[in-house]
Amino acid sequence: MTKRIFHAIFWVAAAILAACSVLVTGVLYGYFSAYQQNSLAQQAALAAKGVESAGAAYFDGLDAGDIRLTWIAADGTVIYDSRANASEMENHGSREEVREALESGTGESSRRSTTLGEDTLYRAVLLTDGTVLRVSVTKYTSFMLMMGAMQPMILLLLAAIAVSAVLARRISAKIVRPLNSLDLEHPLENDVYDELSPLLVSLERQHRQINSQLELLKKRHDEFSAVTENMSEGLVLLGGDGRVLSINPAATRLFGTDEDCVGMDILSLDRRLAMQQLVERAESGTRCETMMELAGGKYQVDASPVVSDGKVSGVCLLAFDVTEKALAERQRREFSANVSHELKTPLQTIMGSAELIENGLVKDEDLPLFAGRIRGESARLVSLIDDIIRLSELDESGALANEEVALLTAAKDAAALLEPAAQARGVTIEVSGEELMATGARRLVNEIIYNLCDNAIKYNVQGGRVEIKVAPRDGGALLTVADTGIGIPKEAQGRVFERFYRVDKSRSKETGGTGLGLSIVKHAAQRLGAEVSLESEPGRGSCFSVFFPPAGVPRAETGIDPEVIDPAI
């Protein structure tokens, strides 16, 4: 802008200077022309007096300088000329100034001389003897005047240009200085030209509008960040070019990256073909989903196109953790298959034995054997159904009456009930410890102790031992049931609490177990807010521990999450 103002002022000054030069030249030309004519008239009068008094002798040795003298007879014949040979000159009787002089006594004219080829002023005076004396001089033209004043005019022009440039620079800088110092953040606080007031008012209005929009945008951004940062699902927003625009903390954990990945291509985070196909389908405008292994878990990744003005401008990826769902679905299928198998096996035995008896294929002396087999399988079937019903009851969240339960007494009662089964296998049961109280439903406490002891007897070795102890721990009570049995492999310890899961299925058939005992223990402990743990080594036995928290301690403080205890149940 400074350059434009400078150029405008400079060229205006130059144009004014040029106009003034032309005007001055014209004025000077008029002045000098009038001066030259007056001077020529005076010189003609003086020369006429000289000729009349001295005649032709007046011209002898005369140095006329720039003036040309011509003496002309009444018939137009040139008698004398100060610059040319009179005898060679043409008749001047027809010349305008000569005719006027012969008629009125004086005459004037201005023309280009055919003899000298110059613009010339002529003054003719009629002498008393009838002859005419003409005085002429080269006329000043504007070009001659300018050429004569060329040097001073050039110097003046250069000085004027220099002064114009300096003034133009200073004036343009002075004009622009207030504009350069404008405070655009506070437009109405500027003290500048009145002509800028509408612009500054408009800027102030736009500032308020922009600030309002920025505050609203920041609020929405903060709300969006607060929501996405606390999401357990992974959220990734992609631009139209497939590059990451935004990613929440959950997604950075799943893809093993950080926020520096913003601006990178999504395929640089996950190069699997499934991800590439998912993004390509979403970019084509189709909502789609796929299952992926992310961060050691199973996730469902949904891809939704972001449509703007009828075009797909981006893609939204949302990753849901379906690990527990997949595990629950797998265990549900296993549970259904196990229930069907566990029910089918005793029923087939019962049906087979009944069919043999019905068809008379069993001897009378063998009838007690087949009847005992039917009774045994029926009892096994009833026990299995009772356990399934019990698990279903534990699944329900109905409130149970709480009471103080003496753990050592409950352990002795369970040992007494299981003593016949222990003697049959040659297993010794030992109960020791302190009489500590646990707060909860008595029936659930009894089921935990009974099932753990029953399990320790069934999977013990001949002549083995089962130790039940009750000891204080962290203000609560710790119940341990240890055996000298076959033990549990490390890889199976995480699944022994699943329904129908058996480490050794052939041994389970021999012991008559349903595979639901430890599941009942886990569920009952969950309802009581207790914590169950296992330590085992193949060939050296197992030790199950149940920690009952102090009365009044919330379940969360025990370190037990009901969803973590057995998510598949």
Protein backbone atom coordinates (compact mmCIF):
# COMPACT_ATOMS: atom_id res chain seq x y z
CA MET A 1 0.00 0.00 0.00
CA THR A 2 2.90 2.36 0.80
CA LYS A 3 4.28 1.88 -2.72
CA ARG A 4 0.92 2.63 -4.29
CA ILE A 5 0.53 5.83 -2.27
CA PHE A 6 4.13 6.79 -3.06
CA HIS A 7 3.63 6.22 -6.78
CA ALA A 8 0.34 8.11 -6.78
CA ILE A 9 1.83 11.16 -5.03
CA PHE A 10 4.99 11.06 -7.13
CA TRP A 11 3.23 10.89 -10.46
CA VAL A 12 0.73 13.56 -9.47
CA ALA A 13 3.64 15.82 -8.55
CA ALA A 14 5.38 14.95 -11.82
CA ALA A 15 2.22 15.70 -13.81
CA ILE A 16 1.77 19.06 -12.04
CA LEU A 17 5.41 19.90 -12.68
CA ALA A 18 5.04 19.05 -16.35
CA ALA A 19 1.86 21.12 -16.63
CA CYS A 20 3.52 24.03 -14.88
CA SER A 21 6.51 23.77 -17.24
CA VAL A 22 4.22 23.92 -20.27
CA LEU A 23 2.27 26.85 -18.78
CA VAL A 24 5.43 28.80 -17.90
CA THR A 25 6.87 28.13 -21.32
CA GLY A 26 3.69 29.45 -22.92
CA VAL A 27 3.69 32.56 -20.74
CA LEU A 28 7.36 33.20 -21.39
CA TYR A 29 6.87 32.65 -25.08
CA GLY A 30 4.10 35.28 -25.17
CA TYR A 31 6.17 37.69 -23.10
CA PHE A 32 9.28 37.35 -25.20
CA SER A 33 7.29 37.59 -28.43
CA ALA A 34 5.75 40.90 -27.32
CA TYR A 35 9.12 42.12 -26.08
CA GLN A 36 10.77 41.15 -29.34
CA GLN A 37 8.16 42.98 -31.39
CA ASN A 38 8.50 46.16 -29.31
CA SER A 39 12.25 46.01 -29.52
CA LEU A 40 12.06 45.46 -33.26
CA ALA A 41 9.82 48.51 -33.68
CA GLN A 42 12.24 50.68 -31.73
CA GLN A 43 15.21 49.43 -33.73
CA ALA A 44 13.36 50.03 -37.00
CA ALA A 45 12.58 53.64 -35.97
CA LEU A 46 16.21 54.30 -35.03
CA ALA A 47 17.54 52.76 -38.23
CA ALA A 48 15.03 54.80 -40.32
CA LYS A 49 16.29 58.06 -38.78
CA GLY A 50 19.85 57.02 -39.49
CA VAL A 51 19.17 56.27 -43.15
CA GLU A 52 17.23 59.48 -43.68
CA SER A 53 20.08 61.54 -42.19
CA ALA A 54 23.07 59.73 -43.76
CA GLY A 55 21.60 57.93 -46.71
CA ALA A 56 23.47 54.92 -48.05
CA ALA A 57 26.51 55.96 -46.03
CA TYR A 58 24.68 54.86 -42.93
CA PHE A 59 25.30 51.25 -43.85
CA ASP A 60 29.03 51.61 -44.31
CA GLY A 61 30.82 49.62 -41.61
CA LEU A 62 27.52 48.95 -39.82
CA ASP A 63 27.46 45.81 -37.60
CA ALA A 64 23.77 45.01 -37.22
CA GLY A 65 24.36 41.87 -35.14
CA ASP A 66 21.26 39.65 -35.04
CA ILE A 67 19.18 42.30 -36.81
CA ARG A 68 18.82 42.22 -40.59
CA LEU A 69 18.40 45.51 -42.44
CA THR A 70 16.87 45.67 -45.90
CA TRP A 71 16.42 48.96 -47.86
CA ILE A 72 13.76 48.68 -50.54
CA ALA A 73 12.90 51.12 -53.33
CA ALA A 74 9.32 52.24 -53.90
CA ASP A 75 8.97 49.76 -56.78
CA GLY A 76 10.07 46.85 -54.56
CA THR A 77 13.67 46.62 -55.78
CA VAL A 78 16.09 45.77 -53.01
CA ILE A 79 18.69 48.57 -52.70
CA TYR A 80 20.62 47.13 -49.74
CA ASP A 81 20.53 44.02 -47.50
CA SER A 82 22.83 43.43 -44.53
CA ARG A 83 23.00 39.67 -45.07
CA ALA A 84 22.56 39.08 -48.80
CA ASN A 85 23.60 40.53 -52.15
CA ALA A 86 20.85 42.99 -53.06
CA SER A 87 21.28 42.48 -56.79
CA GLU A 88 20.53 38.81 -56.45
CA MET A 89 17.40 39.24 -54.34
CA GLU A 90 13.91 39.15 -55.78
CA ASN A 91 11.51 42.07 -55.81
CA HIS A 92 10.01 42.69 -52.33
CA GLY A 93 7.14 44.90 -53.41
CA SER A 94 4.63 42.17 -52.78
CA ARG A 95 5.75 41.51 -49.24
CA GLU A 96 3.02 42.14 -46.70
CA GLU A 97 5.00 44.45 -44.43
CA VAL A 98 6.28 46.47 -47.46
CA ARG A 99 2.81 46.99 -48.84
CA GLU A 100 1.50 48.09 -45.43
CA ALA A 101 4.43 50.52 -45.02
CA LEU A 102 3.81 52.05 -48.48
CA GLU A 103 0.16 52.43 -47.63
CA SER A 104 0.23 53.45 -43.94
CA GLY A 105 3.84 54.32 -43.15
CA THR A 106 4.61 51.17 -41.12
CA GLY A 107 4.02 47.46 -41.57
CA GLU A 108 4.55 44.21 -39.65
CA SER A 109 4.47 40.52 -40.47
CA SER A 110 5.79 37.17 -39.32
CA ARG A 111 6.64 34.32 -41.65
CA ARG A 112 9.18 31.73 -42.55
CA SER A 113 11.85 33.28 -44.62
CA THR A 114 12.29 31.58 -47.99
CA THR A 115 15.78 32.97 -48.11
CA LEU A 116 16.98 31.98 -44.64
CA GLY A 117 14.47 29.21 -43.88
CA GLU A 118 13.63 30.61 -40.42
CA ASP A 119 10.58 32.08 -38.68
CA THR A 120 11.21 35.82 -38.84
CA LEU A 121 9.57 39.01 -37.52
CA TYR A 122 9.51 41.93 -39.97
CA ARG A 123 9.05 45.68 -39.30
CA ALA A 124 8.92 48.09 -42.29
CA VAL A 125 9.06 51.91 -42.06
CA LEU A 126 8.30 54.33 -44.99
CA LEU A 127 11.08 56.92 -45.39
CA THR A 128 10.50 60.47 -46.53
CA ASP A 129 12.02 59.78 -49.96
CA GLY A 130 9.43 57.05 -50.63
CA THR A 131 11.73 54.14 -49.95
CA VAL A 132 11.07 51.55 -47.27
CA LEU A 133 13.50 50.41 -44.59
CA ARG A 134 12.74 46.95 -43.25
CA VAL A 135 14.18 45.52 -40.07
CA SER A 136 13.86 41.80 -39.36
CA VAL A 137 14.98 39.46 -36.63
CA THR A 138 14.70 35.71 -36.05
CA LYS A 139 11.57 35.02 -34.08
CA TYR A 140 11.76 33.21 -30.71
CA THR A 141 9.87 29.88 -30.98
CA SER A 142 8.79 27.79 -28.01
CA PHE A 143 11.31 25.16 -29.00
CA MET A 144 14.09 27.74 -29.18
CA LEU A 145 12.97 29.13 -25.85
CA MET A 146 13.00 25.65 -24.27
CA MET A 147 16.35 24.80 -25.83
CA GLY A 148 17.77 28.02 -24.48
CA ALA A 149 16.51 27.20 -21.02
CA MET A 150 17.23 23.46 -21.27
CA GLN A 151 20.06 23.27 -18.79
CA PRO A 152 18.42 25.18 -15.97
CA MET A 153 15.13 23.44 -16.68
CA ILE A 154 16.79 20.00 -16.45
CA LEU A 155 18.42 20.93 -13.18
CA LEU A 156 15.15 22.31 -11.91
CA LEU A 157 13.30 19.17 -13.07
CA LEU A 158 15.80 16.86 -11.35
CA ALA A 159 15.58 18.88 -8.14
CA ALA A 160 11.78 18.86 -8.34
CA ILE A 161 11.76 15.08 -8.92
CA ALA A 162 14.06 14.51 -5.95
CA VAL A 163 11.97 16.76 -3.71
CA SER A 164 8.77 15.06 -4.96
CA ALA A 165 10.21 11.60 -4.23
CA VAL A 166 11.26 12.59 -0.71
CA LEU A 167 7.95 14.29 0.03
CA ALA A 168 5.99 11.43 -1.51
CA ARG A 169 7.86 8.89 0.62
CA ARG A 170 7.39 10.88 3.80
CA ILE A 171 3.73 11.61 3.11
CA SER A 172 2.98 7.97 2.18
CA ALA A 173 4.77 6.73 5.30
CA LYS A 174 2.84 9.23 7.42
CA ILE A 175 -0.44 8.16 5.85
CA VAL A 176 0.26 4.45 6.27
CA ARG A 177 1.77 4.63 9.78
CA PRO A 178 -1.61 4.74 11.58
CA LEU A 179 -2.80 1.85 9.41
CA ASN A 180 0.25 -0.27 10.24
CA SER A 181 -0.24 0.35 13.95
CA LEU A 182 -3.89 -0.70 13.96
CA ASP A 183 -4.83 -2.96 16.89
CA LEU A 184 -7.06 -5.44 15.09
CA GLU A 185 -7.78 -7.31 18.33
CA HIS A 186 -9.50 -4.18 19.71
CA PRO A 187 -10.70 -2.30 16.60
CA LEU A 188 -12.78 0.34 18.42
CA GLU A 189 -9.81 1.41 20.56
CA ASN A 190 -7.84 2.71 17.53
CA ASP A 191 -7.49 6.47 16.99
CA VAL A 192 -7.23 6.70 13.20
CA TYR A 193 -8.94 8.32 10.24
CA ASP A 194 -12.68 8.81 10.43
CA GLU A 195 -13.00 7.16 7.05
CA LEU A 196 -11.92 3.87 8.65
CA SER A 197 -14.66 3.91 11.29
CA PRO A 198 -17.13 1.75 9.29
CA LEU A 199 -14.37 -0.79 8.67
CA LEU A 200 -13.35 -0.89 12.34
CA VAL A 201 -16.97 -1.24 13.48
CA SER A 202 -17.40 -4.12 11.04
CA LEU A 203 -14.18 -5.72 12.35
CA GLU A 204 -15.39 -5.40 15.93
CA ARG A 205 -18.67 -7.06 15.01
CA GLN A 206 -16.84 -9.88 13.26
CA HIS A 207 -14.51 -10.28 16.26
CA ARG A 208 -17.44 -10.74 18.59
CA GLN A 209 -19.02 -13.22 16.23
CA ILE A 210 -15.77 -15.16 15.77
CA ASN A 211 -15.07 -15.20 19.52
CA SER A 212 -18.57 -16.47 20.18
CA GLN A 213 -18.13 -19.21 17.59
CA LEU A 214 -14.70 -20.10 18.99
CA GLU A 215 -16.12 -20.40 22.50
CA LEU A 216 -18.93 -22.60 21.23
CA LEU A 217 -16.46 -24.69 19.22
CA LYS A 218 -14.14 -25.02 22.24
CA LYS A 219 -17.06 -26.05 24.43
CA ARG A 220 -18.13 -28.70 21.95
CA HIS A 221 -14.53 -29.85 21.54
CA ASP A 222 -14.14 -30.14 25.32
CA GLU A 223 -17.41 -32.06 25.56
CA PHE A 224 -16.34 -34.33 22.71
CA SER A 225 -12.91 -34.87 24.31
CA ALA A 226 -14.46 -35.55 27.72
CA VAL A 227 -16.75 -38.16 26.20
CA THR A 228 -14.18 -39.85 23.95
CA GLU A 229 -11.36 -39.83 26.51
CA ASN A 230 -13.52 -41.66 29.06
CA MET A 231 -14.88 -44.15 26.57
CA SER A 232 -13.86 -47.76 27.02
CA GLU A 233 -14.44 -48.23 23.28
CA GLY A 234 -11.75 -47.21 20.82
CA LEU A 235 -12.75 -44.28 18.57
CA VAL A 236 -10.81 -43.20 15.47
CA LEU A 237 -11.90 -40.47 13.03
CA LEU A 238 -10.43 -40.59 9.53
CA GLY A 239 -10.41 -37.87 6.88
CA GLY A 240 -11.34 -38.34 3.26
CA ASP A 241 -7.74 -39.30 2.47
CA GLY A 242 -7.73 -42.08 5.06
CA ARG A 243 -5.53 -40.18 7.52
CA VAL A 244 -6.20 -40.07 11.26
CA LEU A 245 -7.94 -36.85 12.37
CA SER A 246 -8.64 -37.85 15.97
CA ILE A 247 -8.00 -40.85 18.20
CA ASN A 248 -9.08 -41.42 21.81
CA PRO A 249 -6.90 -43.01 24.55
CA ALA A 250 -8.72 -46.34 24.32
CA ALA A 251 -7.91 -46.58 20.60
CA THR A 252 -4.24 -45.68 21.15
CA ARG A 253 -4.02 -48.55 23.63
CA LEU A 254 -5.69 -50.98 21.25
CA PHE A 255 -3.49 -50.07 18.27
CA GLY A 256 -0.34 -49.70 20.36
CA THR A 257 0.32 -46.07 19.43
CA ASP A 258 -0.04 -42.56 20.84
CA GLU A 259 -1.56 -39.21 19.83
CA ASP A 260 1.40 -38.54 17.53
CA CYS A 261 -0.29 -40.82 15.00
CA VAL A 262 -2.69 -37.99 14.09
CA GLY A 263 -2.05 -37.18 10.44
CA MET A 264 -0.83 -40.69 9.65
CA ASP A 265 -2.61 -43.22 7.46
CA ILE A 266 -4.74 -45.72 9.39
CA LEU A 267 -2.95 -48.55 7.59
CA SER A 268 0.30 -47.44 9.20
CA LEU A 269 -1.33 -48.38 12.54
CA ASP A 270 -2.93 -51.63 11.38
CA ARG A 271 -1.81 -53.18 8.10
CA ARG A 272 -4.14 -56.15 8.15
CA LEU A 273 -6.18 -56.81 5.02
CA ALA A 274 -9.38 -56.85 7.10
CA MET A 275 -8.75 -53.25 8.22
CA GLN A 276 -7.97 -52.13 4.67
CA GLN A 277 -11.16 -53.71 3.31
CA LEU A 278 -13.18 -52.25 6.20
CA VAL A 279 -11.99 -48.69 5.51
CA GLU A 280 -12.43 -49.04 1.73
CA ARG A 281 -16.05 -50.21 2.13
CA ALA A 282 -16.81 -47.36 4.52
CA GLU A 283 -15.24 -44.85 2.10
CA SER A 284 -17.59 -46.18 -0.58
CA GLY A 285 -20.54 -45.20 1.66
CA THR A 286 -21.35 -48.59 3.22
CA ARG A 287 -21.56 -49.14 6.97
CA CYS A 288 -19.72 -52.35 7.83
CA GLU A 289 -18.14 -54.26 10.68
CA THR A 290 -15.60 -57.00 11.31
CA MET A 291 -14.07 -58.97 14.20
CA MET A 292 -10.39 -58.41 15.03
CA GLU A 293 -7.81 -59.41 17.59
CA LEU A 294 -6.60 -56.21 19.27
CA ALA A 295 -4.41 -55.86 22.38
CA GLY A 296 -4.85 -59.53 23.20
CA GLY A 297 -8.65 -59.39 23.10
CA LYS A 298 -11.42 -59.87 20.60
CA TYR A 299 -12.99 -56.66 19.29
CA GLN A 300 -15.82 -55.80 16.95
CA VAL A 301 -14.75 -52.86 14.75
CA ASP A 302 -17.58 -50.84 13.18
CA ALA A 303 -16.82 -48.49 10.28
CA SER A 304 -19.38 -45.78 9.47
CA PRO A 305 -19.04 -43.30 6.58
CA VAL A 306 -19.23 -39.60 7.48
CA VAL A 307 -21.37 -37.93 4.80
CA SER A 308 -21.20 -34.18 4.09
CA ASP A 309 -23.04 -32.46 1.21
CA GLY A 310 -23.90 -35.84 -0.21
CA LYS A 311 -20.27 -37.00 -0.31
CA VAL A 312 -18.25 -39.23 2.00
CA SER A 313 -15.83 -36.87 3.74
CA GLY A 314 -14.45 -39.32 6.30
CA VAL A 315 -14.83 -42.55 8.24
CA CYS A 316 -15.61 -43.20 11.91
CA LEU A 317 -14.10 -46.38 13.40
CA LEU A 318 -15.49 -47.70 16.68
CA ALA A 319 -13.95 -50.76 18.38
CA PHE A 320 -16.05 -52.69 20.96
CA ASP A 321 -14.56 -55.20 23.35
CA VAL A 322 -16.47 -58.44 22.77
CA THR A 323 -13.94 -60.70 24.48
CA GLU A 324 -16.29 -61.56 27.35
CA LYS A 325 -19.20 -61.88 25.00
CA ALA A 326 -17.26 -64.27 22.79
CA LEU A 327 -16.09 -66.21 25.83
CA ALA A 328 -19.61 -66.33 27.24
CA GLU A 329 -20.94 -67.51 23.89
CA ARG A 330 -18.28 -70.21 23.71
CA GLN A 331 -18.99 -71.33 27.26
CA ARG A 332 -22.73 -71.22 26.63
CA ARG A 333 -22.26 -73.61 23.72
CA GLU A 334 -20.01 -75.77 25.85
CA PHE A 335 -22.54 -75.65 28.68
CA SER A 336 -25.36 -76.69 26.35
CA ALA A 337 -23.25 -79.50 24.94
CA ASN A 338 -22.11 -80.60 28.41
CA VAL A 339 -25.63 -80.52 29.86
CA SER A 340 -26.89 -82.57 26.94
CA HIS A 341 -24.05 -85.05 27.35
CA GLU A 342 -24.33 -85.26 31.15
CA LEU A 343 -28.08 -85.84 30.97
CA LYS A 344 -27.90 -88.22 28.05
CA THR A 345 -25.35 -90.58 29.62
CA PRO A 346 -27.36 -91.61 32.73
CA LEU A 347 -30.59 -91.65 30.77
CA GLN A 348 -29.14 -94.07 28.23
CA THR A 349 -28.01 -96.34 31.06
CA ILE A 350 -31.45 -96.17 32.65
CA MET A 351 -33.22 -96.77 29.32
CA GLY A 352 -30.93 -99.64 28.42
CA SER A 353 -31.38 -101.40 31.74
CA ALA A 354 -35.16 -100.83 31.71
CA GLU A 355 -35.40 -102.14 28.15
CA LEU A 356 -33.55 -105.35 29.07
CA ILE A 357 -35.84 -105.89 32.07
CA GLU A 358 -38.92 -105.11 29.97
CA ASN A 359 -37.97 -107.66 27.32
CA GLY A 360 -37.33 -110.39 29.93
CA LEU A 361 -33.68 -110.62 29.06
CA VAL A 362 -32.56 -110.23 32.68
CA LYS A 363 -32.48 -113.25 34.95
CA ASP A 364 -34.28 -113.02 38.26
CA GLU A 365 -31.06 -113.21 40.20
CA ASP A 366 -29.68 -110.25 38.15
CA LEU A 367 -32.66 -107.99 38.70
CA PRO A 368 -31.21 -106.36 41.86
CA LEU A 369 -28.06 -105.52 39.91
CA PHE A 370 -29.97 -103.79 37.11
CA ALA A 371 -32.31 -102.09 39.59
CA GLY A 372 -29.27 -100.79 41.51
CA ARG A 373 -27.79 -99.52 38.28
CA ILE A 374 -31.04 -97.72 37.44
CA ARG A 375 -31.20 -96.26 40.93
CA GLY A 376 -27.57 -95.13 40.83
CA GLU A 377 -27.91 -93.41 37.46
CA SER A 378 -31.18 -91.86 38.56
CA ALA A 379 -29.51 -90.51 41.69
CA ARG A 380 -26.67 -89.15 39.55
CA LEU A 381 -29.23 -87.54 37.26
CA VAL A 382 -31.11 -86.02 40.22
CA SER A 383 -27.83 -84.71 41.67
CA LEU A 384 -26.92 -83.15 38.33
CA ILE A 385 -30.31 -81.48 37.99
CA ASP A 386 -30.10 -80.26 41.61
CA ASP A 387 -26.71 -78.67 40.89
CA ILE A 388 -28.00 -77.00 37.73
CA ILE A 389 -31.01 -75.66 39.63
CA ARG A 390 -28.72 -74.46 42.41
CA LEU A 391 -26.52 -72.60 39.91
CA SER A 392 -29.60 -71.03 38.39
CA GLU A 393 -30.67 -69.84 41.82
CA LEU A 394 -27.22 -68.37 42.45
CA ASP A 395 -27.42 -66.56 39.10
CA GLU A 396 -30.49 -64.73 40.34
CA SER A 397 -29.76 -61.48 42.17
CA GLY A 398 -32.39 -61.91 44.85
CA ALA A 399 -31.41 -60.70 48.31
CA LEU A 400 -30.47 -63.32 50.92
CA ALA A 401 -30.76 -63.00 54.67
CA ASN A 402 -27.39 -62.31 56.27
CA GLU A 403 -26.33 -63.80 59.59
CA GLU A 404 -23.21 -64.57 61.52
CA VAL A 405 -21.83 -68.00 60.53
CA ALA A 406 -19.24 -69.83 62.66
CA LEU A 407 -16.75 -71.08 60.06
CA LEU A 408 -14.96 -73.65 62.19
CA THR A 409 -18.28 -75.22 63.24
CA ALA A 410 -19.49 -75.22 59.62
CA ALA A 411 -16.24 -76.93 58.55
CA LYS A 412 -16.66 -79.64 61.20
CA ASP A 413 -20.28 -80.22 60.13
CA ALA A 414 -19.21 -80.64 56.49
CA ALA A 415 -16.43 -83.03 57.52
CA ALA A 416 -18.90 -85.11 59.50
CA LEU A 417 -21.27 -85.34 56.53
CA LEU A 418 -18.47 -86.39 54.19
CA GLU A 419 -16.78 -88.79 56.62
CA PRO A 420 -18.41 -91.93 55.08
CA ALA A 421 -17.24 -90.97 51.58
CA ALA A 422 -13.77 -90.23 52.94
CA GLN A 423 -13.53 -93.57 54.75
CA ALA A 424 -14.60 -95.36 51.57
CA ARG A 425 -11.57 -93.88 49.80
CA GLY A 426 -9.24 -94.16 52.75
CA VAL A 427 -8.95 -90.36 53.06
CA THR A 428 -8.43 -88.66 56.42
CA ILE A 429 -10.16 -85.32 57.12
CA GLU A 430 -8.58 -82.89 59.60
CA VAL A 431 -10.26 -79.67 60.82
CA SER A 432 -8.29 -77.03 62.73
CA GLY A 433 -8.09 -73.31 63.41
CA GLU A 434 -9.96 -70.61 65.27
CA GLU A 435 -13.70 -70.12 65.58
CA LEU A 436 -14.16 -67.04 63.36
CA MET A 437 -17.40 -65.54 62.16
CA ALA A 438 -18.34 -64.75 58.57
CA THR A 439 -21.27 -62.52 57.66
CA GLY A 440 -23.57 -63.89 54.96
CA ALA A 441 -26.17 -66.47 54.06
CA ARG A 442 -25.52 -69.64 56.07
CA ARG A 443 -26.58 -71.89 53.22
CA LEU A 444 -24.02 -70.34 50.84
CA VAL A 445 -21.21 -70.68 53.39
CA ASN A 446 -22.10 -74.34 53.95
CA GLU A 447 -22.21 -74.99 50.19
CA ILE A 448 -18.76 -73.49 49.72
CA ILE A 449 -17.20 -75.61 52.46
CA TYR A 450 -19.10 -78.79 51.48
CA ASN A 451 -18.23 -78.59 47.77
CA LEU A 452 -14.54 -77.82 48.41
CA CYS A 453 -14.27 -80.75 50.84
CA ASP A 454 -16.23 -83.07 48.52
CA ASN A 455 -13.93 -82.13 45.65
CA ALA A 456 -10.81 -82.70 47.80
CA ILE A 457 -12.02 -86.22 48.70
CA LYS A 458 -13.06 -87.22 45.17
CA TYR A 459 -9.79 -86.17 43.54
CA ASN A 460 -7.52 -87.43 46.31
CA VAL A 461 -5.32 -90.49 46.25
CA GLN A 462 -5.99 -93.68 48.19
CA GLY A 463 -4.93 -93.07 51.79
CA GLY A 464 -4.65 -89.33 51.24
CA ARG A 465 -5.43 -86.43 53.55
CA VAL A 466 -7.70 -83.36 53.54
CA GLU A 467 -6.88 -80.43 55.84
CA ILE A 468 -9.48 -77.75 56.61
CA LYS A 469 -8.21 -74.65 58.41
CA VAL A 470 -9.81 -71.42 59.62
CA ALA A 471 -7.45 -68.52 60.40
CA PRO A 472 -7.73 -64.73 60.76
CA ARG A 473 -6.55 -62.48 57.91
CA ASP A 474 -6.76 -58.70 57.37
CA GLY A 475 -9.61 -58.39 59.86
CA GLY A 476 -11.56 -61.15 58.15
CA ALA A 477 -11.40 -64.93 58.00
CA LEU A 478 -9.45 -67.23 55.69
CA LEU A 479 -10.77 -70.74 55.04
CA THR A 480 -8.37 -73.17 53.32
CA VAL A 481 -9.07 -76.68 52.07
CA ALA A 482 -5.88 -78.53 51.13
CA ASP A 483 -5.57 -82.08 49.79
CA THR A 484 -2.83 -84.49 48.83
CA GLY A 485 -4.55 -85.45 45.63
CA ILE A 486 -3.63 -85.53 41.94
CA GLY A 487 -3.27 -81.72 41.60
CA ILE A 488 -4.29 -79.45 38.74
CA PRO A 489 -2.03 -78.46 35.80
CA LYS A 490 -1.24 -74.76 35.59
CA GLU A 491 -2.89 -74.36 32.18
CA ALA A 492 -6.17 -75.75 33.58
CA GLN A 493 -6.28 -73.74 36.82
CA GLY A 494 -7.98 -70.77 35.14
CA ARG A 495 -10.87 -72.94 33.95
CA VAL A 496 -11.64 -75.25 36.86
CA PHE A 497 -14.41 -72.90 38.01
CA GLU A 498 -16.22 -73.17 34.65
CA ARG A 499 -19.35 -75.25 34.52
CA PHE A 500 -18.80 -78.91 33.59
CA TYR A 501 -15.08 -78.36 33.15
CA ARG A 502 -13.05 -81.38 34.25
CA VAL A 503 -9.29 -81.75 34.22
CA ASP A 504 -9.53 -85.54 33.98
CA LYS A 505 -12.89 -86.58 32.54
CA SER A 506 -12.28 -90.30 32.97
CA ARG A 507 -11.58 -89.86 36.71
CA SER A 508 -14.69 -87.66 37.04
CA LYS A 509 -16.79 -90.53 35.72
CA GLU A 510 -15.31 -92.81 38.34
CA THR A 511 -15.96 -90.38 41.19
CA GLY A 512 -19.46 -89.57 40.02
CA GLY A 513 -18.92 -85.83 39.97
CA THR A 514 -21.18 -83.49 37.98
CA GLY A 515 -18.47 -80.93 37.14
CA LEU A 516 -20.50 -78.17 38.80
CA GLY A 517 -19.11 -78.16 42.33
CA LEU A 518 -16.43 -75.53 41.86
CA SER A 519 -18.81 -73.39 39.78
CA ILE A 520 -21.20 -73.39 42.74
CA VAL A 521 -18.30 -72.40 45.02
CA LYS A 522 -17.37 -69.50 42.78
CA HIS A 523 -20.93 -68.24 42.50
CA ALA A 524 -21.62 -68.56 46.20
CA ALA A 525 -18.39 -66.68 47.03
CA GLN A 526 -19.41 -63.97 44.59
CA ARG A 527 -22.75 -63.55 46.31
CA LEU A 528 -21.01 -63.33 49.69
CA GLY A 529 -18.35 -60.91 48.52
CA ALA A 530 -15.65 -63.48 49.29
CA GLU A 531 -12.49 -64.12 47.30
CA VAL A 532 -11.54 -67.59 46.03
CA SER A 533 -7.99 -68.50 45.03
CA LEU A 534 -6.20 -71.70 44.03
CA GLU A 535 -2.69 -73.06 44.43
CA SER A 536 -1.95 -76.43 42.91
CA GLU A 537 0.82 -78.58 41.50
CA PRO A 538 0.26 -81.85 39.61
CA GLY A 539 1.04 -84.86 41.81
CA ARG A 540 1.33 -82.77 45.00
CA GLY A 541 -2.27 -81.79 45.64
CA SER A 542 -4.29 -78.58 45.64
CA CYS A 543 -5.18 -75.84 48.12
CA PHE A 544 -8.34 -73.77 47.73
CA SER A 545 -8.56 -70.57 49.81
CA VAL A 546 -11.67 -68.50 50.52
CA PHE A 547 -11.24 -65.09 52.15
CA PHE A 548 -14.33 -63.75 53.94
CA PRO A 549 -14.02 -59.96 54.40
CA PRO A 550 -14.83 -58.25 57.71
CA ALA A 551 -18.46 -57.42 58.35
CA GLY A 552 -19.55 -54.07 56.84
CA VAL A 553 -16.74 -53.88 54.25
CA PRO A 554 -18.14 -53.09 50.78
CA ARG A 555 -17.58 -55.76 48.19
CA ALA A 556 -15.35 -53.47 46.08
CA GLU A 557 -12.85 -53.24 48.96
CA THR A 558 -12.27 -56.99 48.96
CA GLY A 559 -10.67 -56.80 45.54
CA ILE A 560 -13.42 -58.94 44.02
CA ASP A 561 -15.31 -57.85 40.92
CA PRO A 562 -18.40 -60.00 40.29
CA GLU A 563 -17.86 -59.60 36.57
CA VAL A 564 -14.29 -60.88 36.87
CA ILE A 565 -14.97 -63.91 39.06
CA ASP A 566 -16.59 -65.88 36.30
CA PRO A 567 -17.78 -63.79 33.35
CA ALA A 568 -19.10 -66.81 31.51
CA ILE A 569 -21.56 -67.83 34.22
